[in-house]
């Protein structure tokens, strides 16, 4: 059996991405179709974590805000992703954000879990996302990772009995009461 020929893969750019119908993400030039509409529990958790992050956000910089998907983070010409929830600290007039957000949340679903814990984990780590929160809505467990010396370290496994304060910078923090997420 022959090995895969990686030169045969089709690679795309942001210009291609802009023309596509439907929901897509682009990581290192490889297109990923977004899954069909998620289960209601997924959307409930996404909305609740957004509400917690947003209502507890204390930042001196007024341009910091928490956003829900679909919102594009254009990393470069070959990578555009749509995190479930992200804290962006930039003002933009474009259709996308371009600066690395300090905090991203992905809520796992059957169709996206593998990509969220492998491809996106590595991408967010490489791009310098300070906090990456992975939430498993069915078990009601969240993993909080923090970028330390260029690598994600698991800070804590969170249950619905926990709360956590995210110190984004000296002038910015937010908090989540996970009993309000699940």
Protein backbone atom coordinates (compact mmCIF):
# COMPACT_ATOMS: atom_id res chain seq x y z
CA UNK A 1 0.00 0.00 0.00
CA UNK A 2 1.29 3.44 -0.94
CA UNK A 3 1.56 6.32 1.49
CA UNK A 4 -0.72 9.31 1.04
CA UNK A 5 0.62 11.94 -1.29
CA UNK A 6 0.16 15.18 0.58
CA UNK A 7 0.89 17.21 -2.54
CA UNK A 8 -2.44 15.97 -3.91
CA UNK A 9 -4.53 17.77 -1.29
CA UNK A 10 -6.36 20.89 -2.41
CA UNK A 11 -5.23 23.95 -0.45
CA UNK A 12 -7.28 27.14 -0.19
CA UNK A 13 -6.88 30.77 0.82
CA UNK A 14 -9.07 33.39 2.43
CA UNK A 15 -10.13 34.60 -1.03
CA UNK A 16 -11.53 31.12 -1.77
CA UNK A 17 -13.18 30.98 1.66
CA UNK A 18 -15.04 34.26 1.09
CA UNK A 19 -16.78 32.80 -1.96
CA UNK A 20 -18.09 29.58 -0.37
CA UNK A 21 -21.70 29.05 0.59
CA UNK A 22 -22.49 27.43 3.90
CA UNK A 23 -20.29 27.35 6.99
CA UNK A 24 -16.61 26.53 6.68
CA UNK A 25 -13.33 26.89 8.51
CA UNK A 26 -9.88 26.98 6.97
CA UNK A 27 -6.81 25.69 8.83
CA UNK A 28 -3.43 25.80 7.10
CA UNK A 29 -5.16 25.85 3.72
CA UNK A 30 -7.36 22.82 4.42
CA UNK A 31 -11.12 23.36 4.29
CA UNK A 32 -13.35 21.95 7.03
CA UNK A 33 -17.10 21.91 6.51
CA UNK A 34 -18.97 22.95 9.62
CA UNK A 35 -21.31 20.37 11.06
CA UNK A 36 -25.08 20.64 10.72
CA UNK A 37 -26.89 22.69 13.35
CA UNK A 38 -25.76 21.55 16.81
CA UNK A 39 -27.95 19.93 19.43
CA UNK A 40 -29.93 22.34 21.62
CA UNK A 41 -27.76 21.48 24.65
CA UNK A 42 -24.71 22.70 22.72
CA UNK A 43 -26.37 26.01 21.89
CA UNK A 44 -27.64 26.42 25.46
CA UNK A 45 -24.12 25.96 26.86
CA UNK A 46 -22.64 28.33 24.24
CA UNK A 47 -25.19 31.02 25.11
CA UNK A 48 -24.71 30.54 28.86
CA UNK A 49 -20.90 30.67 28.79
CA UNK A 50 -21.09 33.76 26.56
CA UNK A 51 -23.46 35.41 29.05
CA UNK A 52 -21.17 34.61 32.00
CA UNK A 53 -18.01 35.80 30.26
CA UNK A 54 -19.70 38.94 28.96
CA UNK A 55 -21.53 39.99 32.11
CA UNK A 56 -18.40 39.54 34.26
CA UNK A 57 -15.95 41.17 31.84
CA UNK A 58 -13.97 43.98 33.46
CA UNK A 59 -11.52 45.56 31.02
CA UNK A 60 -10.09 49.03 30.96
CA UNK A 61 -9.83 48.74 27.17
CA UNK A 62 -13.31 49.35 25.81
CA UNK A 63 -12.63 47.44 22.60
CA UNK A 64 -12.53 44.07 24.42
CA UNK A 65 -15.79 42.17 23.96
CA UNK A 66 -17.08 38.61 23.97
CA UNK A 67 -18.50 37.28 20.70
CA UNK A 68 -20.58 34.26 19.69
CA UNK A 69 -20.11 32.19 16.56
CA UNK A 70 -20.41 32.68 13.71
CA UNK A 71 -17.62 35.25 13.81
CA UNK A 72 -14.44 34.89 11.78
CA UNK A 73 -10.95 35.03 13.18
CA UNK A 74 -8.69 35.37 10.12
CA UNK A 75 -5.32 34.20 11.35
CA UNK A 76 -3.62 34.48 7.96
CA UNK A 77 -4.45 33.90 4.30
CA UNK A 78 -4.66 30.13 4.91
CA UNK A 79 -6.46 29.93 8.25
CA UNK A 80 -9.89 31.25 9.26
CA UNK A 81 -11.80 29.76 12.19
CA UNK A 82 -15.09 30.39 13.96
CA UNK A 83 -14.72 29.66 17.68
CA UNK A 84 -17.98 29.03 19.57
CA UNK A 85 -17.16 31.93 21.90
CA UNK A 86 -14.16 34.27 21.87
CA UNK A 87 -12.94 37.38 23.64
CA UNK A 88 -11.51 39.79 21.08
CA UNK A 89 -9.66 42.95 22.07
CA UNK A 90 -9.63 44.90 18.85
CA UNK A 91 -11.90 47.22 16.99
CA UNK A 92 -12.47 46.23 13.40
CA UNK A 93 -14.41 47.48 10.42
CA UNK A 94 -13.63 44.30 8.50
CA UNK A 95 -15.80 41.20 8.33
CA UNK A 96 -13.33 39.39 10.59
CA UNK A 97 -10.97 39.83 13.52
CA UNK A 98 -7.25 39.54 12.86
CA UNK A 99 -5.60 39.78 16.30
CA UNK A 100 -5.23 36.73 18.51
CA UNK A 101 -8.03 36.60 21.07
CA UNK A 102 -6.85 36.04 24.65
CA UNK A 103 -9.67 33.57 25.40
CA UNK A 104 -11.53 31.01 23.28
CA UNK A 105 -14.26 28.52 24.20
CA UNK A 106 -15.20 25.47 22.16
CA UNK A 107 -18.22 23.42 23.22
CA UNK A 108 -17.79 19.86 22.05
CA UNK A 109 -20.31 18.16 19.83
CA UNK A 110 -20.26 14.74 18.23
CA UNK A 111 -19.24 16.13 14.85
CA UNK A 112 -16.58 18.63 15.99
CA UNK A 113 -15.00 17.15 19.13
CA UNK A 114 -12.00 15.57 17.43
CA UNK A 115 -11.14 18.77 15.54
CA UNK A 116 -11.62 20.89 18.69
CA UNK A 117 -9.25 18.80 20.84
CA UNK A 118 -6.59 18.22 18.17
CA UNK A 119 -6.47 20.60 15.21
CA UNK A 120 -7.88 23.67 16.96
CA UNK A 121 -6.01 22.92 20.20
CA UNK A 122 -2.71 22.95 18.30
CA UNK A 123 -3.70 25.99 16.23
CA UNK A 124 -4.78 28.06 19.24
CA UNK A 125 -1.63 27.07 21.11
CA UNK A 126 0.57 28.01 18.14
CA UNK A 127 -1.23 31.34 17.69
CA UNK A 128 -0.84 32.31 21.36
CA UNK A 129 -4.42 32.16 22.68
CA UNK A 130 -3.88 32.63 26.42
CA UNK A 131 -6.90 30.62 27.67
CA UNK A 132 -8.60 27.75 25.85
CA UNK A 133 -11.74 26.34 27.46
CA UNK A 134 -13.07 23.04 26.17
CA UNK A 135 -16.56 22.18 27.42
CA UNK A 136 -18.17 18.75 27.24
CA UNK A 137 -21.88 19.56 27.66
CA UNK A 138 -23.12 16.01 28.27
CA UNK A 139 -20.76 15.26 31.18
CA UNK A 140 -20.84 18.90 32.35
CA UNK A 141 -17.05 19.02 32.60
CA UNK A 142 -14.84 21.81 31.31
CA UNK A 143 -11.07 21.77 30.82
CA UNK A 144 -9.32 25.09 31.29
CA UNK A 145 -5.98 25.37 29.54
CA UNK A 146 -3.55 28.27 29.90
CA UNK A 147 -0.65 29.00 27.60
CA UNK A 148 2.53 28.80 29.68
CA UNK A 149 5.91 29.04 27.95
CA UNK A 150 4.27 28.42 24.58
CA UNK A 151 2.44 25.22 25.61
CA UNK A 152 -1.03 24.64 26.99
CA UNK A 153 -1.14 23.44 30.57
CA UNK A 154 -4.35 22.03 32.02
CA UNK A 155 -5.09 24.36 34.92
CA UNK A 156 -8.24 22.72 36.13
CA UNK A 157 -11.05 20.33 35.33
CA UNK A 158 -14.20 22.27 36.15
CA UNK A 159 -17.59 20.91 37.14
CA UNK A 160 -20.85 22.76 37.55
CA UNK A 161 -20.02 23.34 41.23
CA UNK A 162 -16.98 25.49 40.32
CA UNK A 163 -16.29 29.02 39.26
CA UNK A 164 -13.13 30.41 37.73
CA UNK A 165 -11.62 33.86 37.27
CA UNK A 166 -9.63 34.48 34.09
CA UNK A 167 -6.92 37.08 34.52
CA UNK A 168 -6.44 38.15 30.92
CA UNK A 169 -4.03 40.97 31.73
CA UNK A 170 -3.38 43.52 34.47
CA UNK A 171 -6.33 45.58 33.26
CA UNK A 172 -8.68 42.82 32.08
CA UNK A 173 -10.42 39.87 33.70
CA UNK A 174 -13.62 37.89 33.55
CA UNK A 175 -15.24 35.17 35.63
CA UNK A 176 -17.48 32.17 34.99
CA UNK A 177 -19.82 30.55 37.50
CA UNK A 178 -20.15 27.14 35.85
CA UNK A 179 -23.39 26.39 37.74
CA UNK A 180 -24.91 28.97 35.38
CA UNK A 181 -23.39 27.35 32.28
CA UNK A 182 -24.94 23.88 32.59
